[in-house]
């Protein structure tokens, strides 16, 4: 089975669509598309992103379902006919001459083909199950440790990179927004990291929610992450905790996740933290200056940016 990156590269080339054009269509950075193609990031985390890719590249139903499976999502066609077609009893077969009344011995030969068909169908079913199990193992390989009692036996962060661990935000009532709050934050963080040319920074989504500081700090340490961002939302109001080695017990930041300025300011504040950790003080100041210039920021964000600016002096 081909990887998501191989399929995406093939379909993009065939459609004549650039990485930048697809990135604008999805609302992600061009670097994100590059990571998918090269396998640095195995696949999209949001199923809707794969469906948007399929629609933009005008994939057939079979190609769309193959791309969904490669990304670790269930196909829209429950029969998965595009991946491992099972032989059909309705499929046209090689015509055989009609049995003559004087040749009754041909009937047993025809009957003997039925077990063969059943055997082929059984083999096809086994193959489909094998593909499904393989895809499931691939999807869970990176994140399985989150589900254990002691996650991250070995760090997820390589020695040459820095990891931001983003916990899936939990809903706490109110009218649900018409967007994925966690995915919106992740895309903004990746976009600002790319714009600031912060290479070797990876944003990882936890498969579950982080509900307390102790869990957040344990996950940060065991994953080798530089920062853990976690919290909850109620309607458009988001409460986010940003845990790091320097600030293991931070107060929550309350902001409007529907506001592009608030979300961008938050992402820029994380760029500043990564840059500061690397000793790139000028880059950190530039990120904070951009964030501070955004209009109508939530009070918590404004105070948070001021604290970061003071720490750089």
C-alpha atoms as a PDB file:
ATOM      1  CA  UNK A   1       0.000   0.000   0.000  1.00  0.00           C
ATOM      2  CA  UNK A   2       1.416   3.381  -1.043  1.00  0.00           C
ATOM      3  CA  UNK A   3       1.954   6.087   1.543  1.00  0.00           C
ATOM      4  CA  UNK A   4      -0.094   9.258   1.815  1.00  0.00           C
ATOM      5  CA  UNK A   5       2.913  11.308   0.637  1.00  0.00           C
ATOM      6  CA  UNK A   6       3.362   9.201  -2.498  1.00  0.00           C
ATOM      7  CA  UNK A   7      -0.313   9.456  -3.419  1.00  0.00           C
ATOM      8  CA  UNK A   8      -0.443  13.204  -2.752  1.00  0.00           C
ATOM      9  CA  UNK A   9       2.658  13.831  -4.884  1.00  0.00           C
ATOM     10  CA  UNK A  10       1.219  11.786  -7.753  1.00  0.00           C
ATOM     11  CA  UNK A  11      -2.181  13.514  -7.704  1.00  0.00           C
ATOM     12  CA  UNK A  12      -0.674  17.005  -7.402  1.00  0.00           C
ATOM     13  CA  UNK A  13       1.596  16.362 -10.401  1.00  0.00           C
ATOM     14  CA  UNK A  14      -1.275  15.011 -12.467  1.00  0.00           C
ATOM     15  CA  UNK A  15      -3.569  17.915 -11.582  1.00  0.00           C
ATOM     16  CA  UNK A  16      -0.840  20.512 -12.201  1.00  0.00           C
ATOM     17  CA  UNK A  17      -1.521  22.194  -8.839  1.00  0.00           C
ATOM     18  CA  UNK A  18       1.342  23.660  -6.822  1.00  0.00           C
ATOM     19  CA  UNK A  19       2.001  23.110  -3.112  1.00  0.00           C
ATOM     20  CA  UNK A  20       1.238  26.788  -2.459  1.00  0.00           C
ATOM     21  CA  UNK A  21      -2.122  26.656  -4.230  1.00  0.00           C
ATOM     22  CA  UNK A  22      -3.210  23.564  -2.303  1.00  0.00           C
ATOM     23  CA  UNK A  23      -1.972  25.109   0.955  1.00  0.00           C
ATOM     24  CA  UNK A  24      -4.101  28.229   0.371  1.00  0.00           C
ATOM     25  CA  UNK A  25      -7.131  26.046  -0.394  1.00  0.00           C
ATOM     26  CA  UNK A  26      -6.725  24.142   2.897  1.00  0.00           C
ATOM     27  CA  UNK A  27      -5.723  27.149   4.981  1.00  0.00           C
ATOM     28  CA  UNK A  28      -2.364  25.624   5.945  1.00  0.00           C
ATOM     29  CA  UNK A  29       1.233  26.556   5.177  1.00  0.00           C
ATOM     30  CA  UNK A  30       3.138  25.448   2.104  1.00  0.00           C
ATOM     31  CA  UNK A  31       5.643  23.814   4.462  1.00  0.00           C
ATOM     32  CA  UNK A  32       2.845  21.590   5.791  1.00  0.00           C
ATOM     33  CA  UNK A  33       2.109  20.303   2.269  1.00  0.00           C
ATOM     34  CA  UNK A  34       5.850  19.695   1.785  1.00  0.00           C
ATOM     35  CA  UNK A  35       6.029  17.727   5.049  1.00  0.00           C
ATOM     36  CA  UNK A  36       3.114  15.533   3.964  1.00  0.00           C
ATOM     37  CA  UNK A  37       4.715  14.826   0.584  1.00  0.00           C
ATOM     38  CA  UNK A  38       8.161  14.073   1.986  1.00  0.00           C
ATOM     39  CA  UNK A  39       6.837  11.995   4.899  1.00  0.00           C
ATOM     40  CA  UNK A  40       8.227  14.305   7.606  1.00  0.00           C
ATOM     41  CA  UNK A  41       4.639  14.536   8.852  1.00  0.00           C
ATOM     42  CA  UNK A  42       2.992  11.235   8.032  1.00  0.00           C
ATOM     43  CA  UNK A  43      -0.484  12.502   7.189  1.00  0.00           C
ATOM     44  CA  UNK A  44      -3.151  15.119   7.982  1.00  0.00           C
ATOM     45  CA  UNK A  45      -4.739  14.890  11.425  1.00  0.00           C
ATOM     46  CA  UNK A  46      -8.130  16.138  10.262  1.00  0.00           C
ATOM     47  CA  UNK A  47     -10.283  13.974   7.971  1.00  0.00           C
ATOM     48  CA  UNK A  48     -11.909  17.037   6.370  1.00  0.00           C
ATOM     49  CA  UNK A  49      -8.470  18.107   5.097  1.00  0.00           C
ATOM     50  CA  UNK A  50      -8.178  14.865   3.125  1.00  0.00           C
ATOM     51  CA  UNK A  51     -11.677  15.308   1.683  1.00  0.00           C
ATOM     52  CA  UNK A  52     -10.837  18.902   0.679  1.00  0.00           C
ATOM     53  CA  UNK A  53      -7.671  17.661  -1.033  1.00  0.00           C
ATOM     54  CA  UNK A  54      -9.658  15.032  -2.924  1.00  0.00           C
ATOM     55  CA  UNK A  55     -12.222  17.611  -4.053  1.00  0.00           C
ATOM     56  CA  UNK A  56      -9.590  20.160  -5.126  1.00  0.00           C
ATOM     57  CA  UNK A  57      -7.582  17.577  -7.081  1.00  0.00           C
ATOM     58  CA  UNK A  58     -10.810  16.165  -8.572  1.00  0.00           C
ATOM     59  CA  UNK A  59     -10.031  12.605  -7.535  1.00  0.00           C
ATOM     60  CA  UNK A  60     -12.312   9.755  -8.434  1.00  0.00           C
ATOM     61  CA  UNK A  61     -14.229   8.018  -5.652  1.00  0.00           C
ATOM     62  CA  UNK A  62     -11.711   5.176  -5.774  1.00  0.00           C
ATOM     63  CA  UNK A  63      -8.731   7.568  -5.551  1.00  0.00           C
ATOM     64  CA  UNK A  64     -10.404   9.528  -2.745  1.00  0.00           C
ATOM     65  CA  UNK A  65     -10.973   6.375  -0.678  1.00  0.00           C
ATOM     66  CA  UNK A  66      -7.382   5.227  -1.281  1.00  0.00           C
ATOM     67  CA  UNK A  67      -6.132   8.627  -0.051  1.00  0.00           C
ATOM     68  CA  UNK A  68      -8.380   8.409   3.035  1.00  0.00           C
ATOM     69  CA  UNK A  69      -7.053   4.949   3.884  1.00  0.00           C
ATOM     70  CA  UNK A  70      -3.447   6.086   3.422  1.00  0.00           C
ATOM     71  CA  UNK A  71      -4.176   8.942   5.854  1.00  0.00           C
ATOM     72  CA  UNK A  72      -5.618   6.516   8.388  1.00  0.00           C
ATOM     73  CA  UNK A  73      -9.295   7.382   7.932  1.00  0.00           C
ATOM     74  CA  UNK A  74     -12.219   5.202   6.939  1.00  0.00           C
ATOM     75  CA  UNK A  75     -13.177   5.448   3.249  1.00  0.00           C
ATOM     76  CA  UNK A  76     -16.535   6.863   2.212  1.00  0.00           C
ATOM     77  CA  UNK A  77     -17.230   3.711   0.207  1.00  0.00           C
ATOM     78  CA  UNK A  78     -17.811   1.002   2.801  1.00  0.00           C
ATOM     79  CA  UNK A  79     -16.928  -1.710   0.256  1.00  0.00           C
ATOM     80  CA  UNK A  80     -13.406  -0.288  -0.134  1.00  0.00           C
ATOM     81  CA  UNK A  81     -13.576  -1.515  -3.695  1.00  0.00           C
ATOM     82  CA  UNK A  82     -10.795   0.808  -4.782  1.00  0.00           C
ATOM     83  CA  UNK A  83      -8.247  -0.804  -2.478  1.00  0.00           C
ATOM     84  CA  UNK A  84      -8.877  -4.505  -2.600  1.00  0.00           C
ATOM     85  CA  UNK A  85     -11.734  -5.479  -4.874  1.00  0.00           C
ATOM     86  CA  UNK A  86     -13.323  -8.756  -4.037  1.00  0.00           C
ATOM     87  CA  UNK A  87     -14.327 -10.964  -6.956  1.00  0.00           C
ATOM     88  CA  UNK A  88     -18.010 -10.686  -7.659  1.00  0.00           C
ATOM     89  CA  UNK A  89     -20.271 -13.478  -8.577  1.00  0.00           C
ATOM     90  CA  UNK A  90     -21.895 -11.042 -11.038  1.00  0.00           C
ATOM     91  CA  UNK A  91     -18.625 -10.375 -12.870  1.00  0.00           C
ATOM     92  CA  UNK A  92     -18.620 -11.540 -16.498  1.00  0.00           C
ATOM     93  CA  UNK A  93     -16.963 -14.870 -16.964  1.00  0.00           C
ATOM     94  CA  UNK A  94     -15.585 -16.631 -19.993  1.00  0.00           C
ATOM     95  CA  UNK A  95     -18.508 -18.007 -21.952  1.00  0.00           C
ATOM     96  CA  UNK A  96     -18.798 -21.757 -21.896  1.00  0.00           C
ATOM     97  CA  UNK A  97     -20.614 -23.754 -24.478  1.00  0.00           C
ATOM     98  CA  UNK A  98     -24.121 -24.749 -23.424  1.00  0.00           C
ATOM     99  CA  UNK A  99     -24.468 -28.187 -21.976  1.00  0.00           C
ATOM    100  CA  UNK A 100     -25.926 -30.658 -24.360  1.00  0.00           C
ATOM    101  CA  UNK A 101     -28.455 -33.231 -23.354  1.00  0.00           C
ATOM    102  CA  UNK A 102     -26.082 -35.912 -24.519  1.00  0.00           C
ATOM    103  CA  UNK A 103     -23.220 -34.608 -22.305  1.00  0.00           C
ATOM    104  CA  UNK A 104     -24.415 -34.652 -18.681  1.00  0.00           C
ATOM    105  CA  UNK A 105     -20.828 -35.165 -17.520  1.00  0.00           C
ATOM    106  CA  UNK A 106     -20.174 -31.382 -17.892  1.00  0.00           C
ATOM    107  CA  UNK A 107     -22.414 -30.457 -14.941  1.00  0.00           C
ATOM    108  CA  UNK A 108     -20.087 -31.721 -12.214  1.00  0.00           C
ATOM    109  CA  UNK A 109     -17.226 -29.619 -13.701  1.00  0.00           C
ATOM    110  CA  UNK A 110     -19.385 -26.496 -13.465  1.00  0.00           C
ATOM    111  CA  UNK A 111     -20.297 -27.312  -9.880  1.00  0.00           C
ATOM    112  CA  UNK A 112     -16.636 -27.647  -8.989  1.00  0.00           C
ATOM    113  CA  UNK A 113     -16.061 -23.929  -9.764  1.00  0.00           C
ATOM    114  CA  UNK A 114     -18.257 -22.865  -6.854  1.00  0.00           C
ATOM    115  CA  UNK A 115     -15.760 -23.838  -4.111  1.00  0.00           C
ATOM    116  CA  UNK A 116     -13.048 -22.047  -6.110  1.00  0.00           C
ATOM    117  CA  UNK A 117     -15.113 -18.832  -6.156  1.00  0.00           C
ATOM    118  CA  UNK A 118     -15.794 -19.112  -2.456  1.00  0.00           C
ATOM    119  CA  UNK A 119     -12.107 -19.630  -1.808  1.00  0.00           C
ATOM    120  CA  UNK A 120     -11.157 -16.545  -3.834  1.00  0.00           C
ATOM    121  CA  UNK A 121     -13.744 -14.461  -2.006  1.00  0.00           C
ATOM    122  CA  UNK A 122     -12.396 -15.652   1.334  1.00  0.00           C
ATOM    123  CA  UNK A 123      -8.835 -14.713   0.298  1.00  0.00           C
ATOM    124  CA  UNK A 124     -10.045 -11.235  -0.754  1.00  0.00           C
ATOM    125  CA  UNK A 125     -11.787 -10.712   2.601  1.00  0.00           C
ATOM    126  CA  UNK A 126      -8.633 -11.727   4.458  1.00  0.00           C
ATOM    127  CA  UNK A 127      -6.590  -9.277   2.355  1.00  0.00           C
ATOM    128  CA  UNK A 128      -9.026  -6.427   3.089  1.00  0.00           C
ATOM    129  CA  UNK A 129      -8.856  -7.156   6.810  1.00  0.00           C
ATOM    130  CA  UNK A 130      -5.074  -7.221   6.613  1.00  0.00           C
ATOM    131  CA  UNK A 131      -5.006  -3.807   4.915  1.00  0.00           C
ATOM    132  CA  UNK A 132      -7.369  -2.365   7.533  1.00  0.00           C
ATOM    133  CA  UNK A 133      -5.251  -3.688  10.406  1.00  0.00           C
ATOM    134  CA  UNK A 134      -2.046  -2.368   8.807  1.00  0.00           C
ATOM    135  CA  UNK A 135      -3.547   1.107   8.357  1.00  0.00           C
ATOM    136  CA  UNK A 136      -4.742   1.138  11.962  1.00  0.00           C
ATOM    137  CA  UNK A 137      -1.274   0.227  13.205  1.00  0.00           C
ATOM    138  CA  UNK A 138       0.314   2.954  11.079  1.00  0.00           C
ATOM    139  CA  UNK A 139      -2.108   5.589  12.363  1.00  0.00           C
ATOM    140  CA  UNK A 140      -1.580   4.696  15.998  1.00  0.00           C
ATOM    141  CA  UNK A 141       2.178   4.129  15.847  1.00  0.00           C
ATOM    142  CA  UNK A 142       3.101   7.727  16.593  1.00  0.00           C
ATOM    143  CA  UNK A 143       0.498   8.359  19.267  1.00  0.00           C
ATOM    144  CA  UNK A 144      -0.088   5.027  20.986  1.00  0.00           C
ATOM    145  CA  UNK A 145       1.973   5.996  23.976  1.00  0.00           C
ATOM    146  CA  UNK A 146      -0.575   8.682  24.917  1.00  0.00           C
ATOM    147  CA  UNK A 147      -3.034   5.917  25.781  1.00  0.00           C
ATOM    148  CA  UNK A 148      -0.796   4.094  28.226  1.00  0.00           C
ATOM    149  CA  UNK A 149      -0.578   4.686  31.947  1.00  0.00           C
ATOM    150  CA  UNK A 150       3.032   5.864  31.500  1.00  0.00           C
ATOM    151  CA  UNK A 151       3.126   7.604  28.099  1.00  0.00           C
ATOM    152  CA  UNK A 152       6.308   8.471  26.200  1.00  0.00           C
ATOM    153  CA  UNK A 153       8.679   5.809  27.454  1.00  0.00           C
ATOM    154  CA  UNK A 154      11.067   7.339  24.891  1.00  0.00           C
ATOM    155  CA  UNK A 155      10.868  11.008  23.852  1.00  0.00           C
ATOM    156  CA  UNK A 156       8.996  11.880  20.660  1.00  0.00           C
ATOM    157  CA  UNK A 157      11.266  14.856  20.047  1.00  0.00           C
ATOM    158  CA  UNK A 158      14.419  14.152  18.061  1.00  0.00           C
ATOM    159  CA  UNK A 159      17.640  15.742  19.274  1.00  0.00           C
ATOM    160  CA  UNK A 160      17.616  18.190  16.358  1.00  0.00           C
ATOM    161  CA  UNK A 161      14.065  19.462  16.758  1.00  0.00           C
ATOM    162  CA  UNK A 162      11.710  21.096  19.228  1.00  0.00           C
ATOM    163  CA  UNK A 163       8.199  19.803  19.852  1.00  0.00           C
ATOM    164  CA  UNK A 164       5.048  21.691  20.793  1.00  0.00           C
ATOM    165  CA  UNK A 165       2.504  19.269  22.249  1.00  0.00           C
ATOM    166  CA  UNK A 166      -1.051  20.504  21.700  1.00  0.00           C
ATOM    167  CA  UNK A 167      -3.702  18.797  23.811  1.00  0.00           C
ATOM    168  CA  UNK A 168      -7.131  18.343  22.277  1.00  0.00           C
ATOM    169  CA  UNK A 169      -9.286  21.067  23.793  1.00  0.00           C
ATOM    170  CA  UNK A 170     -12.372  19.837  25.615  1.00  0.00           C
ATOM    171  CA  UNK A 171     -15.823  21.379  25.218  1.00  0.00           C
ATOM    172  CA  UNK A 172     -17.469  22.767  28.347  1.00  0.00           C
ATOM    173  CA  UNK A 173     -20.958  23.578  27.095  1.00  0.00           C
ATOM    174  CA  UNK A 174     -22.325  26.513  25.191  1.00  0.00           C
ATOM    175  CA  UNK A 175     -23.005  26.618  21.467  1.00  0.00           C
ATOM    176  CA  UNK A 176     -20.383  24.572  19.657  1.00  0.00           C
ATOM    177  CA  UNK A 177     -18.398  26.632  17.105  1.00  0.00           C
ATOM    178  CA  UNK A 178     -18.632  25.631  13.463  1.00  0.00           C
ATOM    179  CA  UNK A 179     -14.906  24.833  13.333  1.00  0.00           C
ATOM    180  CA  UNK A 180     -12.434  22.543  15.085  1.00  0.00           C
ATOM    181  CA  UNK A 181     -10.853  24.751  17.773  1.00  0.00           C
ATOM    182  CA  UNK A 182      -7.809  22.502  18.242  1.00  0.00           C
ATOM    183  CA  UNK A 183      -7.147  22.232  14.504  1.00  0.00           C
ATOM    184  CA  UNK A 184      -7.497  26.000  14.118  1.00  0.00           C
ATOM    185  CA  UNK A 185      -4.827  26.619  16.761  1.00  0.00           C
ATOM    186  CA  UNK A 186      -2.502  23.999  15.302  1.00  0.00           C
ATOM    187  CA  UNK A 187      -2.719  25.425  11.799  1.00  0.00           C
ATOM    188  CA  UNK A 188      -2.033  28.942  13.092  1.00  0.00           C
ATOM    189  CA  UNK A 189       1.025  27.765  15.062  1.00  0.00           C
ATOM    190  CA  UNK A 190       2.477  25.901  12.073  1.00  0.00           C
ATOM    191  CA  UNK A 191       1.771  28.849   9.767  1.00  0.00           C
ATOM    192  CA  UNK A 192       3.570  31.375  12.005  1.00  0.00           C
ATOM    193  CA  UNK A 193       6.498  29.003  12.611  1.00  0.00           C
ATOM    194  CA  UNK A 194       6.954  28.681   8.856  1.00  0.00           C
ATOM    195  CA  UNK A 195       6.626  32.440   8.318  1.00  0.00           C
ATOM    196  CA  UNK A 196       9.301  33.086  10.977  1.00  0.00           C
ATOM    197  CA  UNK A 197      11.532  30.393   9.389  1.00  0.00           C
ATOM    198  CA  UNK A 198      11.610  28.395  12.596  1.00  0.00           C
ATOM    199  CA  UNK A 199      12.892  25.131  11.178  1.00  0.00           C
ATOM    200  CA  UNK A 200      12.852  21.797  13.047  1.00  0.00           C
ATOM    201  CA  UNK A 201       9.735  22.672  15.049  1.00  0.00           C
ATOM    202  CA  UNK A 202       7.007  20.023  15.136  1.00  0.00           C
ATOM    203  CA  UNK A 203       3.453  20.406  16.449  1.00  0.00           C
ATOM    204  CA  UNK A 204       2.030  17.131  17.796  1.00  0.00           C
ATOM    205  CA  UNK A 205      -1.625  16.627  18.688  1.00  0.00           C
ATOM    206  CA  UNK A 206      -2.443  14.422  21.659  1.00  0.00           C
ATOM    207  CA  UNK A 207      -5.120  11.831  20.828  1.00  0.00           C
ATOM    208  CA  UNK A 208      -6.940  12.654  24.061  1.00  0.00           C
ATOM    209  CA  UNK A 209      -7.609  15.577  26.342  1.00  0.00           C
ATOM    210  CA  UNK A 210      -5.149  16.905  28.943  1.00  0.00           C
ATOM    211  CA  UNK A 211      -7.181  17.836  31.990  1.00  0.00           C
ATOM    212  CA  UNK A 212      -4.703  18.970  34.646  1.00  0.00           C
ATOM    213  CA  UNK A 213      -1.277  20.515  35.151  1.00  0.00           C
ATOM    214  CA  UNK A 214       0.282  17.350  36.546  1.00  0.00           C
ATOM    215  CA  UNK A 215      -0.611  15.376  33.421  1.00  0.00           C
ATOM    216  CA  UNK A 216       0.546  18.211  31.174  1.00  0.00           C
ATOM    217  CA  UNK A 217       3.938  18.426  32.856  1.00  0.00           C
ATOM    218  CA  UNK A 218       4.373  14.639  32.848  1.00  0.00           C
ATOM    219  CA  UNK A 219       3.589  14.496  29.128  1.00  0.00           C
ATOM    220  CA  UNK A 220       5.902  17.417  28.372  1.00  0.00           C
ATOM    221  CA  UNK A 221       8.796  15.756  30.190  1.00  0.00           C
ATOM    222  CA  UNK A 222       8.293  12.281  28.784  1.00  0.00           C
ATOM    223  CA  UNK A 223       7.682  13.488  25.225  1.00  0.00           C
ATOM    224  CA  UNK A 224      10.702  15.757  25.310  1.00  0.00           C
ATOM    225  CA  UNK A 225       8.418  18.643  24.315  1.00  0.00           C
ATOM    226  CA  UNK A 226       9.441  22.252  24.720  1.00  0.00           C
ATOM    227  CA  UNK A 227       5.861  23.462  25.286  1.00  0.00           C
ATOM    228  CA  UNK A 228       2.502  21.876  26.103  1.00  0.00           C
ATOM    229  CA  UNK A 229      -0.650  23.864  25.281  1.00  0.00           C
ATOM    230  CA  UNK A 230      -3.934  22.515  26.667  1.00  0.00           C
ATOM    231  CA  UNK A 231      -7.288  23.645  27.999  1.00  0.00           C
ATOM    232  CA  UNK A 232     -10.961  23.943  27.081  1.00  0.00           C
ATOM    233  CA  UNK A 233     -13.489  26.068  25.260  1.00  0.00           C
ATOM    234  CA  UNK A 234     -17.072  27.189  25.737  1.00  0.00           C
ATOM    235  CA  UNK A 235     -18.593  28.522  22.560  1.00  0.00           C
ATOM    236  CA  UNK A 236     -15.997  30.870  21.072  1.00  0.00           C
ATOM    237  CA  UNK A 237     -14.236  31.508  24.391  1.00  0.00           C
ATOM    238  CA  UNK A 238     -11.096  29.430  24.867  1.00  0.00           C
ATOM    239  CA  UNK A 239      -9.101  28.953  28.091  1.00  0.00           C
ATOM    240  CA  UNK A 240      -5.568  27.793  27.312  1.00  0.00           C
ATOM    241  CA  UNK A 241      -2.687  26.813  29.591  1.00  0.00           C
ATOM    242  CA  UNK A 242       0.833  27.004  28.135  1.00  0.00           C
ATOM    243  CA  UNK A 243       3.173  24.773  30.141  1.00  0.00           C
ATOM    244  CA  UNK A 244       6.944  24.798  29.730  1.00  0.00           C
ATOM    245  CA  UNK A 245       9.974  23.927  31.825  1.00  0.00           C
ATOM    246  CA  UNK A 246      10.275  27.576  32.833  1.00  0.00           C
ATOM    247  CA  UNK A 247       6.537  27.907  33.599  1.00  0.00           C
ATOM    248  CA  UNK A 248       5.117  24.568  34.806  1.00  0.00           C
ATOM    249  CA  UNK A 249       2.175  26.209  36.600  1.00  0.00           C
ATOM    250  CA  UNK A 250       0.869  29.016  34.346  1.00  0.00           C
ATOM    251  CA  UNK A 251      -2.417  30.903  34.705  1.00  0.00           C
ATOM    252  CA  UNK A 252      -4.955  30.304  31.921  1.00  0.00           C
ATOM    253  CA  UNK A 253      -5.170  32.599  28.908  1.00  0.00           C
ATOM    254  CA  UNK A 254      -8.737  33.451  27.921  1.00  0.00           C
ATOM    255  CA  UNK A 255      -9.296  34.584  24.339  1.00  0.00           C
ATOM    256  CA  UNK A 256     -11.702  34.358  21.414  1.00  0.00           C
ATOM    257  CA  UNK A 257     -10.807  31.415  19.162  1.00  0.00           C
ATOM    258  CA  UNK A 258     -13.076  32.856  16.442  1.00  0.00           C
ATOM    259  CA  UNK A 259     -10.879  35.971  16.260  1.00  0.00           C
ATOM    260  CA  UNK A 260      -8.094  35.695  13.688  1.00  0.00           C
ATOM    261  CA  UNK A 261      -6.087  38.310  15.586  1.00  0.00           C
ATOM    262  CA  UNK A 262      -6.338  36.496  18.924  1.00  0.00           C
ATOM    263  CA  UNK A 263      -5.369  33.154  17.381  1.00  0.00           C
ATOM    264  CA  UNK A 264      -2.462  34.694  15.471  1.00  0.00           C
ATOM    265  CA  UNK A 265      -1.207  36.550  18.547  1.00  0.00           C
ATOM    266  CA  UNK A 266      -1.195  33.292  20.487  1.00  0.00           C
ATOM    267  CA  UNK A 267       0.751  31.534  17.723  1.00  0.00           C
ATOM    268  CA  UNK A 268       3.271  34.401  17.566  1.00  0.00           C
ATOM    269  CA  UNK A 269       3.792  34.194  21.330  1.00  0.00           C
ATOM    270  CA  UNK A 270       4.832  30.534  20.866  1.00  0.00           C
ATOM    271  CA  UNK A 271       7.188  31.548  18.048  1.00  0.00           C
ATOM    272  CA  UNK A 272       8.766  34.011  20.500  1.00  0.00           C
ATOM    273  CA  UNK A 273       9.188  31.281  23.122  1.00  0.00           C
ATOM    274  CA  UNK A 274      10.911  28.929  20.663  1.00  0.00           C
ATOM    275  CA  UNK A 275      13.137  31.706  19.317  1.00  0.00           C
ATOM    276  CA  UNK A 276      14.087  32.804  22.835  1.00  0.00           C
ATOM    277  CA  UNK A 277      14.936  29.233  23.795  1.00  0.00           C
ATOM    278  CA  UNK A 278      17.280  29.084  20.789  1.00  0.00           C
ATOM    279  CA  UNK A 279      18.923  32.345  21.766  1.00  0.00           C
ATOM    280  CA  UNK A 280      17.400  34.184  18.785  1.00  0.00           C
ATOM    281  CA  UNK A 281      16.416  37.276  20.729  1.00  0.00           C
ATOM    282  CA  UNK A 282      15.822  39.469  17.669  1.00  0.00           C
ATOM    283  CA  UNK A 283      13.435  36.911  16.179  1.00  0.00           C
ATOM    284  CA  UNK A 284      11.590  36.653  19.500  1.00  0.00           C
ATOM    285  CA  UNK A 285      11.206  40.442  19.722  1.00  0.00           C
ATOM    286  CA  UNK A 286       9.992  40.605  16.117  1.00  0.00           C
ATOM    287  CA  UNK A 287       7.304  37.989  16.796  1.00  0.00           C
ATOM    288  CA  UNK A 288       6.117  39.812  19.928  1.00  0.00           C
ATOM    289  CA  UNK A 289       6.087  43.156  18.089  1.00  0.00           C
ATOM    290  CA  UNK A 290       3.877  41.664  15.365  1.00  0.00           C
ATOM    291  CA  UNK A 291       1.549  40.175  17.965  1.00  0.00           C
ATOM    292  CA  UNK A 292       1.325  43.405  19.957  1.00  0.00           C
ATOM    293  CA  UNK A 293       0.418  45.382  16.838  1.00  0.00           C
ATOM    294  CA  UNK A 294      -2.714  43.313  16.224  1.00  0.00           C
ATOM    295  CA  UNK A 295      -5.909  45.213  17.124  1.00  0.00           C
ATOM    296  CA  UNK A 296      -8.507  44.364  19.759  1.00  0.00           C
ATOM    297  CA  UNK A 297      -6.608  41.555  21.460  1.00  0.00           C
ATOM    298  CA  UNK A 298      -8.117  39.807  24.452  1.00  0.00           C
ATOM    299  CA  UNK A 299      -6.822  41.335  27.731  1.00  0.00           C
ATOM    300  CA  UNK A 300      -5.191  38.067  28.819  1.00  0.00           C
ATOM    301  CA  UNK A 301      -3.232  37.886  25.571  1.00  0.00           C
ATOM    302  CA  UNK A 302      -2.105  41.499  25.862  1.00  0.00           C
ATOM    303  CA  UNK A 303      -0.823  40.902  29.398  1.00  0.00           C
ATOM    304  CA  UNK A 304       0.870  37.659  28.336  1.00  0.00           C
ATOM    305  CA  UNK A 305       2.708  39.405  25.478  1.00  0.00           C
ATOM    306  CA  UNK A 306       3.838  42.193  27.814  1.00  0.00           C
ATOM    307  CA  UNK A 307       5.253  39.606  30.236  1.00  0.00           C
ATOM    308  CA  UNK A 308       7.203  37.958  27.414  1.00  0.00           C
ATOM    309  CA  UNK A 309       8.548  41.304  26.194  1.00  0.00           C
ATOM    310  CA  UNK A 310       9.721  42.207  29.695  1.00  0.00           C
ATOM    311  CA  UNK A 311      11.523  38.867  30.007  1.00  0.00           C
ATOM    312  CA  UNK A 312      13.578  39.641  26.881  1.00  0.00           C
ATOM    313  CA  UNK A 313      14.966  42.920  28.259  1.00  0.00           C
END
